[in-house]
Amino acid sequence: RDTDDDLSAFDIEHLTVDGLKFGSLSSSSEKSDDDYITTDMIRELCS
């Protein structure tokens, strides 16, 4: 929550190269199901 949209508050060391994307800029702590972007959300977004 304390990360700015320009990523200025994000720790650079968490940026990882993962395939063709720039990585998962997410916290190292465990997430619950409510902490993810789901397939249903993506479908609704496209619509």
All heavy atoms as atom14 arrays in JSON, in Angstrom:
{
  "sequence": "RDTDDDLSAFDIEHLTVDGLKFGSLSSSSEKSDDDYITTDMIRELCS",
  "atom14_mask": [
    [1, 1, 1, 1, 1, 1, 1, 1, 1, 1, 1, 0, 0, 0],
    [1, 1, 1, 1, 1, 1, 1, 1, 0, 0, 0, 0, 0, 0],
    [1, 1, 1, 1, 1, 1, 1, 0, 0, 0, 0, 0, 0, 0],
    [1, 1, 1, 1, 1, 1, 1, 1, 0, 0, 0, 0, 0, 0],
    [1, 1, 1, 1, 1, 1, 1, 1, 0, 0, 0, 0, 0, 0],
    [1, 1, 1, 1, 1, 1, 1, 1, 0, 0, 0, 0, 0, 0],
    [1, 1, 1, 1, 1, 1, 1, 1, 0, 0, 0, 0, 0, 0],
    [1, 1, 1, 1, 1, 1, 0, 0, 0, 0, 0, 0, 0, 0],
    [1, 1, 1, 1, 1, 0, 0, 0, 0, 0, 0, 0, 0, 0],
    [1, 1, 1, 1, 1, 1, 1, 1, 1, 1, 1, 0, 0, 0],
    [1, 1, 1, 1, 1, 1, 1, 1, 0, 0, 0, 0, 0, 0],
    [1, 1, 1, 1, 1, 1, 1, 1, 0, 0, 0, 0, 0, 0],
    [1, 1, 1, 1, 1, 1, 1, 1, 1, 0, 0, 0, 0, 0],
    [1, 1, 1, 1, 1, 1, 1, 1, 1, 1, 0, 0, 0, 0],
    [1, 1, 1, 1, 1, 1, 1, 1, 0, 0, 0, 0, 0, 0],
    [1, 1, 1, 1, 1, 1, 1, 0, 0, 0, 0, 0, 0, 0],
    [1, 1, 1, 1, 1, 1, 1, 0, 0, 0, 0, 0, 0, 0],
    [1, 1, 1, 1, 1, 1, 1, 1, 0, 0, 0, 0, 0, 0],
    [1, 1, 1, 1, 0, 0, 0, 0, 0, 0, 0, 0, 0, 0],
    [1, 1, 1, 1, 1, 1, 1, 1, 0, 0, 0, 0, 0, 0],
    [1, 1, 1, 1, 1, 1, 1, 1, 1, 0, 0, 0, 0, 0],
    [1, 1, 1, 1, 1, 1, 1, 1, 1, 1, 1, 0, 0, 0],
    [1, 1, 1, 1, 0, 0, 0, 0, 0, 0, 0, 0, 0, 0],
    [1, 1, 1, 1, 1, 1, 0, 0, 0, 0, 0, 0, 0, 0],
    [1, 1, 1, 1, 1, 1, 1, 1, 0, 0, 0, 0, 0, 0],
    [1, 1, 1, 1, 1, 1, 0, 0, 0, 0, 0, 0, 0, 0],
    [1, 1, 1, 1, 1, 1, 0, 0, 0, 0, 0, 0, 0, 0],
    [1, 1, 1, 1, 1, 1, 0, 0, 0, 0, 0, 0, 0, 0],
    [1, 1, 1, 1, 1, 1, 0, 0, 0, 0, 0, 0, 0, 0],
    [1, 1, 1, 1, 1, 1, 1, 1, 1, 0, 0, 0, 0, 0],
    [1, 1, 1, 1, 1, 1, 1, 1, 1, 0, 0, 0, 0, 0],
    [1, 1, 1, 1, 1, 1, 0, 0, 0, 0, 0, 0, 0, 0],
    [1, 1, 1, 1, 1, 1, 1, 1, 0, 0, 0, 0, 0, 0],
    [1, 1, 1, 1, 1, 1, 1, 1, 0, 0, 0, 0, 0, 0],
    [1, 1, 1, 1, 1, 1, 1, 1, 0, 0, 0, 0, 0, 0],
    [1, 1, 1, 1, 1, 1, 1, 1, 1, 1, 1, 1, 0, 0],
    [1, 1, 1, 1, 1, 1, 1, 1, 0, 0, 0, 0, 0, 0],
    [1, 1, 1, 1, 1, 1, 1, 0, 0, 0, 0, 0, 0, 0],
    [1, 1, 1, 1, 1, 1, 1, 0, 0, 0, 0, 0, 0, 0],
    [1, 1, 1, 1, 1, 1, 1, 1, 0, 0, 0, 0, 0, 0],
    [1, 1, 1, 1, 1, 1, 1, 1, 0, 0, 0, 0, 0, 0],
    [1, 1, 1, 1, 1, 1, 1, 1, 0, 0, 0, 0, 0, 0],
    [1, 1, 1, 1, 1, 1, 1, 1, 1, 1, 1, 0, 0, 0],
    [1, 1, 1, 1, 1, 1, 1, 1, 1, 0, 0, 0, 0, 0],
    [1, 1, 1, 1, 1, 1, 1, 1, 0, 0, 0, 0, 0, 0],
    [1, 1, 1, 1, 1, 1, 0, 0, 0, 0, 0, 0, 0, 0],
    [1, 1, 1, 1, 1, 1, 0, 0, 0, 0, 0, 0, 0, 0]
  ],
  "atom14_positions": [
    [[0.81, -1.22, 0.0], [0.0, 0.0, 0.0], [0.84, 1.27, 0.0], [0.4, 2.3, -0.5], [-0.94, 0.02, 1.2], [-2.22, -0.77, 0.94], [-3.44, -0.03, 1.48], [-4.66, -0.6, 0.91], [-5.3, -0.1, -0.12], [-4.83, 0.97, -0.72], [-6.4, -0.66, -0.58], [0.0, 0.0, 0.0], [0.0, 0.0, 0.0], [0.0, 0.0, 0.0]],
    [[2.05, 1.22, 0.57], [2.87, 2.42, 0.65], [3.73, 2.64, -0.59], [4.57, 3.54, -0.62], [3.75, 2.4, 1.89], [4.68, 1.18, 1.92], [4.56, 0.35, 1.0], [5.5, 1.08, 2.85], [0.0, 0.0, 0.0], [0.0, 0.0, 0.0], [0.0, 0.0, 0.0], [0.0, 0.0, 0.0], [0.0, 0.0, 0.0], [0.0, 0.0, 0.0]],
    [[3.54, 1.83, -1.62], [4.31, 1.98, -2.86], [3.62, 2.99, -3.77], [2.43, 2.88, -4.04], [4.44, 0.64, -3.6], [5.05, -0.29, -2.74], [5.27, 0.8, -4.86], [0.0, 0.0, 0.0], [0.0, 0.0, 0.0], [0.0, 0.0, 0.0], [0.0, 0.0, 0.0], [0.0, 0.0, 0.0], [0.0, 0.0, 0.0], [0.0, 0.0, 0.0]],
    [[4.39, 3.98, -4.26], [3.83, 4.97, -5.18], [3.66, 4.35, -6.56], [4.35, 3.41, -6.94], [4.76, 6.19, -5.3], [4.88, 6.91, -3.97], [3.94, 6.81, -3.16], [5.92, 7.56, -3.75], [0.0, 0.0, 0.0], [0.0, 0.0, 0.0], [0.0, 0.0, 0.0], [0.0, 0.0, 0.0], [0.0, 0.0, 0.0], [0.0, 0.0, 0.0]],
    [[2.78, 4.97, -7.37], [2.57, 4.47, -8.73], [3.8, 4.65, -9.6], [3.97, 3.97, -10.6], [1.38, 5.18, -9.39], [0.05, 4.52, -9.0], [0.09, 3.44, -8.4], [-1.01, 5.11, -9.29], [0.0, 0.0, 0.0], [0.0, 0.0, 0.0], [0.0, 0.0, 0.0], [0.0, 0.0, 0.0], [0.0, 0.0, 0.0], [0.0, 0.0, 0.0]],
    [[4.68, 5.59, -9.22], [5.91, 5.76, -10.01], [7.03, 4.86, -9.5], [8.16, 4.96, -9.95], [6.37, 7.22, -9.98], [6.72, 7.69, -8.57], [6.59, 6.9, -7.62], [7.12, 8.86, -8.44], [0.0, 0.0, 0.0], [0.0, 0.0, 0.0], [0.0, 0.0, 0.0], [0.0, 0.0, 0.0], [0.0, 0.0, 0.0], [0.0, 0.0, 0.0]],
    [[6.68, 3.97, -8.52], [7.61, 2.99, -7.96], [8.75, 3.62, -7.17], [9.7, 2.95, -6.83], [8.21, 2.11, -9.06], [7.2, 1.33, -9.89], [7.95, 0.47, -10.89], [6.28, 0.49, -9.05], [0.0, 0.0, 0.0], [0.0, 0.0, 0.0], [0.0, 0.0, 0.0], [0.0, 0.0, 0.0], [0.0, 0.0, 0.0], [0.0, 0.0, 0.0]],
    [[8.65, 4.92, -6.86], [9.76, 5.58, -6.17], [9.96, 5.04, -4.76], [11.05, 5.12, -4.21], [9.51, 7.09, -6.1], [8.32, 7.37, -5.39], [0.0, 0.0, 0.0], [0.0, 0.0, 0.0], [0.0, 0.0, 0.0], [0.0, 0.0, 0.0], [0.0, 0.0, 0.0], [0.0, 0.0, 0.0], [0.0, 0.0, 0.0], [0.0, 0.0, 0.0]],
    [[8.9, 4.49, -4.17], [9.03, 3.97, -2.81], [9.31, 2.48, -2.79], [9.44, 1.89, -1.74], [7.74, 4.25, -2.03], [0.0, 0.0, 0.0], [0.0, 0.0, 0.0], [0.0, 0.0, 0.0], [0.0, 0.0, 0.0], [0.0, 0.0, 0.0], [0.0, 0.0, 0.0], [0.0, 0.0, 0.0], [0.0, 0.0, 0.0], [0.0, 0.0, 0.0]],
    [[9.42, 1.89, -3.98], [9.64, 0.44, -4.0], [11.12, 0.12, -4.01], [11.91, 0.77, -4.68], [8.97, -0.18, -5.23], [8.88, -1.68, -5.11], [7.85, -2.26, -4.41], [9.85, -2.49, -5.67], [7.78, -3.63, -4.28], [9.79, -3.86, -5.53], [8.75, -4.43, -4.83], [0.0, 0.0, 0.0], [0.0, 0.0, 0.0], [0.0, 0.0, 0.0]],
    [[11.47, -0.89, -3.28], [12.87, -1.32, -3.19], [13.28, -1.98, -4.5], [12.69, -2.96, -4.92], [13.02, -2.3, -2.04], [14.49, -2.56, -1.73], [15.34, -2.18, -2.54], [14.75, -3.15, -0.67], [0.0, 0.0, 0.0], [0.0, 0.0, 0.0], [0.0, 0.0, 0.0], [0.0, 0.0, 0.0], [0.0, 0.0, 0.0], [0.0, 0.0, 0.0]],
    [[14.31, -1.43, -5.15], [14.73, -1.92, -6.47], [15.12, -3.38, -6.43], [14.96, -4.1, -7.41], [15.9, -1.06, -6.99], [15.37, 0.34, -7.36], [16.55, -1.68, -8.21], [16.45, 1.3, -7.78], [0.0, 0.0, 0.0], [0.0, 0.0, 0.0], [0.0, 0.0, 0.0], [0.0, 0.0, 0.0], [0.0, 0.0, 0.0], [0.0, 0.0, 0.0]],
    [[15.62, -3.86, -5.3], [16.12, -5.23, -5.25], [15.0, -6.26, -5.47], [15.28, -7.42, -5.75], [16.81, -5.49, -3.93], [15.89, -5.56, -2.74], [16.64, -5.8, -1.45], [17.87, -5.69, -1.44], [15.97, -6.1, -0.45], [0.0, 0.0, 0.0], [0.0, 0.0, 0.0], [0.0, 0.0, 0.0], [0.0, 0.0, 0.0], [0.0, 0.0, 0.0]],
    [[13.73, -5.83, -5.33], [12.64, -6.77, -5.56], [12.3, -6.92, -7.04], [11.47, -7.75, -7.4], [11.38, -6.32, -4.81], [11.5, -6.47, -3.32], [11.49, -5.4, -2.46], [11.67, -7.57, -2.56], [11.62, -5.82, -1.22], [11.74, -7.13, -1.25], [0.0, 0.0, 0.0], [0.0, 0.0, 0.0], [0.0, 0.0, 0.0], [0.0, 0.0, 0.0]],
    [[12.9, -6.1, -7.9], [12.64, -6.21, -9.32], [13.38, -7.4, -9.89], [14.6, -7.45, -9.88], [13.1, -4.93, -10.04], [12.84, -4.89, -11.55], [11.34, -4.88, -11.81], [13.46, -3.66, -12.16], [0.0, 0.0, 0.0], [0.0, 0.0, 0.0], [0.0, 0.0, 0.0], [0.0, 0.0, 0.0], [0.0, 0.0, 0.0], [0.0, 0.0, 0.0]],
    [[12.65, -8.38, -10.41], [13.28, -9.59, -10.94], [12.89, -9.78, -12.39], [11.81, -9.39, -12.81], [12.82, -10.83, -10.15], [11.39, -10.93, -10.22], [13.25, -10.73, -8.7], [0.0, 0.0, 0.0], [0.0, 0.0, 0.0], [0.0, 0.0, 0.0], [0.0, 0.0, 0.0], [0.0, 0.0, 0.0], [0.0, 0.0, 0.0], [0.0, 0.0, 0.0]],
    [[13.78, -10.36, -13.15], [13.48, -10.67, -14.54], [12.84, -12.04, -14.6], [13.38, -13.02, -14.11], [14.77, -10.65, -15.39], [14.47, -11.05, -16.82], [15.39, -9.26, -15.34], [0.0, 0.0, 0.0], [0.0, 0.0, 0.0], [0.0, 0.0, 0.0], [0.0, 0.0, 0.0], [0.0, 0.0, 0.0], [0.0, 0.0, 0.0], [0.0, 0.0, 0.0]],
    [[11.68, -12.1, -15.21], [10.91, -13.34, -15.19], [10.33, -13.56, -16.58], [9.3, -13.02, -16.92], [9.78, -13.24, -14.15], [8.98, -14.52, -14.04], [9.39, -15.55, -14.61], [7.93, -14.49, -13.41], [0.0, 0.0, 0.0], [0.0, 0.0, 0.0], [0.0, 0.0, 0.0], [0.0, 0.0, 0.0], [0.0, 0.0, 0.0], [0.0, 0.0, 0.0]],
    [[11.02, -14.32, -17.41], [10.54, -14.53, -18.78], [10.61, -13.22, -19.53], [11.61, -12.53, -19.54], [0.0, 0.0, 0.0], [0.0, 0.0, 0.0], [0.0, 0.0, 0.0], [0.0, 0.0, 0.0], [0.0, 0.0, 0.0], [0.0, 0.0, 0.0], [0.0, 0.0, 0.0], [0.0, 0.0, 0.0], [0.0, 0.0, 0.0], [0.0, 0.0, 0.0]],
    [[9.51, -12.84, -20.17], [9.48, -11.6, -20.93], [8.97, -10.42, -20.13], [8.81, -9.35, -20.65], [8.57, -11.78, -22.16], [9.26, -12.38, -23.36], [8.26, -12.63, -24.45], [10.36, -11.49, -23.88], [0.0, 0.0, 0.0], [0.0, 0.0, 0.0], [0.0, 0.0, 0.0], [0.0, 0.0, 0.0], [0.0, 0.0, 0.0], [0.0, 0.0, 0.0]],
    [[8.63, -10.63, -18.88], [8.12, -9.53, -18.09], [9.2, -9.06, -17.14], [10.26, -9.65, -16.99], [6.87, -9.94, -17.34], [7.08, -11.1, -16.35], [5.76, -11.68, -15.93], [5.96, -12.8, -14.92], [4.79, -13.6, -14.71], [0.0, 0.0, 0.0], [0.0, 0.0, 0.0], [0.0, 0.0, 0.0], [0.0, 0.0, 0.0], [0.0, 0.0, 0.0]],
    [[8.9, -7.98, -16.45], [9.91, -7.37, -15.6], [9.88, -7.9, -14.19], [10.64, -7.47, -13.35], [9.7, -5.85, -15.57], [9.85, -5.24, -16.9], [8.73, -4.88, -17.64], [11.1, -5.06, -17.45], [8.87, -4.32, -18.88], [11.24, -4.49, -18.7], [10.11, -4.13, -19.41], [0.0, 0.0, 0.0], [0.0, 0.0, 0.0], [0.0, 0.0, 0.0]],
    [[9.0, -8.83, -13.9], [8.99, -9.43, -12.58], [7.74, -9.13, -11.81], [6.86, -8.42, -12.25], [0.0, 0.0, 0.0], [0.0, 0.0, 0.0], [0.0, 0.0, 0.0], [0.0, 0.0, 0.0], [0.0, 0.0, 0.0], [0.0, 0.0, 0.0], [0.0, 0.0, 0.0], [0.0, 0.0, 0.0], [0.0, 0.0, 0.0], [0.0, 0.0, 0.0]],
    [[7.67, -9.66, -10.62], [6.52, -9.48, -9.76], [6.87, -8.53, -8.63], [7.55, -8.9, -7.69], [6.09, -10.84, -9.18], [5.04, -10.68, -8.27], [0.0, 0.0, 0.0], [0.0, 0.0, 0.0], [0.0, 0.0, 0.0], [0.0, 0.0, 0.0], [0.0, 0.0, 0.0], [0.0, 0.0, 0.0], [0.0, 0.0, 0.0], [0.0, 0.0, 0.0]],
    [[6.44, -7.28, -8.76], [6.77, -6.29, -7.75], [5.79, -6.42, -6.59], [4.93, -5.6, -6.37], [6.68, -4.87, -8.35], [7.76, -4.55, -9.36], [7.56, -3.14, -9.89], [9.13, -4.67, -8.75], [0.0, 0.0, 0.0], [0.0, 0.0, 0.0], [0.0, 0.0, 0.0], [0.0, 0.0, 0.0], [0.0, 0.0, 0.0], [0.0, 0.0, 0.0]],
    [[5.91, -7.48, -5.87], [5.0, -7.74, -4.76], [5.8, -8.01, -3.51], [6.97, -8.32, -3.54], [4.12, -8.95, -5.08], [4.92, -10.07, -5.39], [0.0, 0.0, 0.0], [0.0, 0.0, 0.0], [0.0, 0.0, 0.0], [0.0, 0.0, 0.0], [0.0, 0.0, 0.0], [0.0, 0.0, 0.0], [0.0, 0.0, 0.0], [0.0, 0.0, 0.0]],
    [[5.12, -7.89, -2.38], [5.79, -8.1, -1.11], [6.2, -9.54, -0.95], [5.6, -10.45, -1.51], [4.85, -7.68, 0.03], [5.4, -8.03, 1.27], [0.0, 0.0, 0.0], [0.0, 0.0, 0.0], [0.0, 0.0, 0.0], [0.0, 0.0, 0.0], [0.0, 0.0, 0.0], [0.0, 0.0, 0.0], [0.0, 0.0, 0.0], [0.0, 0.0, 0.0]],
    [[7.25, -9.73, -0.14], [7.73, -11.09, 0.09], [6.85, -11.84, 1.09], [7.02, -13.04, 1.26], [9.17, -11.04, 0.61], [9.22, -10.27, 1.79], [0.0, 0.0, 0.0], [0.0, 0.0, 0.0], [0.0, 0.0, 0.0], [0.0, 0.0, 0.0], [0.0, 0.0, 0.0], [0.0, 0.0, 0.0], [0.0, 0.0, 0.0], [0.0, 0.0, 0.0]],
    [[5.91, -11.14, 1.74], [5.05, -11.81, 2.72], [3.99, -12.63, 2.01], [3.7, -12.43, 0.83], [4.4, -10.77, 3.63], [3.63, -9.86, 2.87], [0.0, 0.0, 0.0], [0.0, 0.0, 0.0], [0.0, 0.0, 0.0], [0.0, 0.0, 0.0], [0.0, 0.0, 0.0], [0.0, 0.0, 0.0], [0.0, 0.0, 0.0], [0.0, 0.0, 0.0]],
    [[3.4, -13.57, 2.73], [2.39, -14.46, 2.16], [1.13, -13.69, 1.82], [0.71, -12.78, 2.52], [2.07, -15.57, 3.16], [3.22, -16.54, 3.4], [3.58, -17.32, 2.15], [2.65, -17.6, 1.35], [4.75, -17.65, 1.97], [0.0, 0.0, 0.0], [0.0, 0.0, 0.0], [0.0, 0.0, 0.0], [0.0, 0.0, 0.0], [0.0, 0.0, 0.0]],
    [[0.49, -14.09, 0.73], [-0.75, -13.46, 0.3], [-1.91, -14.43, 0.44], [-1.75, -15.64, 0.31], [-0.64, -13.01, -1.17], [0.28, -11.83, -1.4], [0.2, -11.42, -2.86], [0.99, -10.15, -3.11], [2.41, -10.33, -2.8], [0.0, 0.0, 0.0], [0.0, 0.0, 0.0], [0.0, 0.0, 0.0], [0.0, 0.0, 0.0], [0.0, 0.0, 0.0]],
    [[-3.09, -13.85, 0.66], [-4.32, -14.65, 0.65], [-4.95, -14.53, -0.72], [-4.47, -13.78, -1.58], [-5.28, -14.13, 1.73], [-5.71, -12.81, 1.42], [0.0, 0.0, 0.0], [0.0, 0.0, 0.0], [0.0, 0.0, 0.0], [0.0, 0.0, 0.0], [0.0, 0.0, 0.0], [0.0, 0.0, 0.0], [0.0, 0.0, 0.0], [0.0, 0.0, 0.0]],
    [[-6.04, -15.25, -0.96], [-6.7, -15.22, -2.26], [-7.19, -13.82, -2.62], [-7.32, -13.49, -3.81], [-7.87, -16.2, -2.27], [-7.4, -17.65, -2.23], [-6.22, -17.89, -2.55], [-8.2, -18.54, -1.86], [0.0, 0.0, 0.0], [0.0, 0.0, 0.0], [0.0, 0.0, 0.0], [0.0, 0.0, 0.0], [0.0, 0.0, 0.0], [0.0, 0.0, 0.0]],
    [[-7.47, -12.99, -1.61], [-7.99, -11.64, -1.87], [-6.89, -10.66, -2.26], [-7.2, -9.5, -2.57], [-8.7, -11.11, -0.61], [-9.95, -11.92, -0.28], [-10.54, -12.5, -1.21], [-10.32, -11.97, 0.92], [0.0, 0.0, 0.0], [0.0, 0.0, 0.0], [0.0, 0.0, 0.0], [0.0, 0.0, 0.0], [0.0, 0.0, 0.0], [0.0, 0.0, 0.0]],
    [[-5.66, -11.11, -2.25], [-4.53, -10.21, -2.54], [-4.03, -10.32, -3.98], [-3.0, -9.73, -4.31], [-3.37, -10.51, -1.58], [-3.74, -10.28, -0.13], [-4.6, -9.42, 0.12], [-3.18, -10.98, 0.74], [0.0, 0.0, 0.0], [0.0, 0.0, 0.0], [0.0, 0.0, 0.0], [0.0, 0.0, 0.0], [0.0, 0.0, 0.0], [0.0, 0.0, 0.0]],
    [[-4.73, -11.04, -4.82], [-4.29, -11.27, -6.2], [-5.27, -10.68, -7.21], [-6.44, -10.42, -6.89], [-4.16, -12.77, -6.48], [-3.03, -13.45, -5.76], [-3.24, -14.08, -4.54], [-1.75, -13.47, -6.31], [-2.2, -14.72, -3.87], [-0.71, -14.1, -5.64], [-0.94, -14.72, -4.43], [0.09, -15.34, -3.77], [0.0, 0.0, 0.0], [0.0, 0.0, 0.0]],
    [[-4.76, -10.5, -8.42], [-5.63, -10.19, -9.56], [-6.09, -11.54, -10.12], [-5.27, -12.39, -10.45], [-4.86, -9.41, -10.64], [-4.36, -8.08, -10.09], [-5.74, -9.19, -11.87], [-3.42, -7.34, -11.02], [0.0, 0.0, 0.0], [0.0, 0.0, 0.0], [0.0, 0.0, 0.0], [0.0, 0.0, 0.0], [0.0, 0.0, 0.0], [0.0, 0.0, 0.0]],
    [[-7.38, -11.74, -10.2], [-7.92, -13.03, -10.63], [-8.28, -13.01, -12.11], [-8.39, -11.95, -12.73], [-9.16, -13.4, -9.82], [-10.21, -12.44, -10.11], [-8.87, -13.38, -8.32], [0.0, 0.0, 0.0], [0.0, 0.0, 0.0], [0.0, 0.0, 0.0], [0.0, 0.0, 0.0], [0.0, 0.0, 0.0], [0.0, 0.0, 0.0], [0.0, 0.0, 0.0]],
    [[-8.49, -14.2, -12.64], [-8.89, -14.33, -14.04], [-10.23, -13.65, -14.29], [-10.44, -13.02, -15.34], [-8.98, -15.82, -14.43], [-7.71, -16.44, -14.18], [-9.32, -15.98, -15.91], [0.0, 0.0, 0.0], [0.0, 0.0, 0.0], [0.0, 0.0, 0.0], [0.0, 0.0, 0.0], [0.0, 0.0, 0.0], [0.0, 0.0, 0.0], [0.0, 0.0, 0.0]],
    [[-11.15, -13.75, -13.35], [-12.46, -13.11, -13.5], [-12.32, -11.59, -13.57], [-13.0, -10.93, -14.35], [-13.38, -13.49, -12.33], [-13.83, -14.94, -12.4], [-13.78, -15.51, -13.51], [-14.21, -15.5, -11.36], [0.0, 0.0, 0.0], [0.0, 0.0, 0.0], [0.0, 0.0, 0.0], [0.0, 0.0, 0.0], [0.0, 0.0, 0.0], [0.0, 0.0, 0.0]],
    [[-11.42, -11.04, -12.74], [-11.18, -9.59, -12.79], [-10.68, -9.17, -14.17], [-11.1, -8.14, -14.72], [-10.14, -9.19, -11.74], [-10.59, -9.26, -10.31], [-9.23, -8.68, -9.24], [-9.8, -9.26, -7.64], [0.0, 0.0, 0.0], [0.0, 0.0, 0.0], [0.0, 0.0, 0.0], [0.0, 0.0, 0.0], [0.0, 0.0, 0.0], [0.0, 0.0, 0.0]],
    [[-9.78, -9.97, -14.74], [-9.2, -9.63, -16.04], [-10.26, -9.68, -17.13], [-10.32, -8.82, -18.01], [-8.03, -10.59, -16.36], [-6.9, -10.4, -15.34], [-7.5, -10.35, -17.77], [-5.81, -11.43, -15.42], [0.0, 0.0, 0.0], [0.0, 0.0, 0.0], [0.0, 0.0, 0.0], [0.0, 0.0, 0.0], [0.0, 0.0, 0.0], [0.0, 0.0, 0.0]],
    [[-11.13, -10.68, -17.08], [-12.23, -10.77, -18.05], [-13.13, -9.54, -17.94], [-13.53, -8.94, -18.95], [-13.04, -12.05, -17.82], [-12.31, -13.33, -18.18], [-13.31, -14.47, -18.33], [-12.64, -15.74, -18.57], [-12.39, -16.64, -17.63], [-12.76, -16.42, -16.37], [-11.79, -17.78, -17.92], [0.0, 0.0, 0.0], [0.0, 0.0, 0.0], [0.0, 0.0, 0.0]],
    [[-13.5, -9.17, -16.71], [-14.35, -8.01, -16.51], [-13.66, -6.73, -16.97], [-14.3, -5.82, -17.51], [-14.74, -7.9, -15.03], [-15.65, -9.03, -14.56], [-15.92, -8.95, -13.07], [-15.65, -7.86, -12.47], [-16.38, -9.95, -12.49], [0.0, 0.0, 0.0], [0.0, 0.0, 0.0], [0.0, 0.0, 0.0], [0.0, 0.0, 0.0], [0.0, 0.0, 0.0]],
    [[-12.34, -6.64, -16.75], [-11.58, -5.48, -17.18], [-11.64, -5.32, -18.7], [-11.87, -4.22, -19.21], [-10.13, -5.61, -16.72], [-9.15, -4.55, -17.23], [-9.5, -3.18, -16.65], [-7.71, -4.92, -16.87], [0.0, 0.0, 0.0], [0.0, 0.0, 0.0], [0.0, 0.0, 0.0], [0.0, 0.0, 0.0], [0.0, 0.0, 0.0], [0.0, 0.0, 0.0]],
    [[-11.46, -6.41, -19.41], [-11.49, -6.36, -20.89], [-12.87, -5.95, -21.4], [-12.98, -5.27, -22.44], [-11.09, -7.71, -21.46], [-9.36, -8.15, -21.17], [0.0, 0.0, 0.0], [0.0, 0.0, 0.0], [0.0, 0.0, 0.0], [0.0, 0.0, 0.0], [0.0, 0.0, 0.0], [0.0, 0.0, 0.0], [0.0, 0.0, 0.0], [0.0, 0.0, 0.0]],
    [[-13.91, -6.34, -20.69], [-15.27, -5.97, -21.09], [-15.56, -4.51, -20.76], [-16.24, -3.81, -21.52], [-16.3, -6.87, -20.39], [-16.11, -8.22, -20.74], [0.0, 0.0, 0.0], [0.0, 0.0, 0.0], [0.0, 0.0, 0.0], [0.0, 0.0, 0.0], [0.0, 0.0, 0.0], [0.0, 0.0, 0.0], [0.0, 0.0, 0.0], [0.0, 0.0, 0.0]]
  ]
}
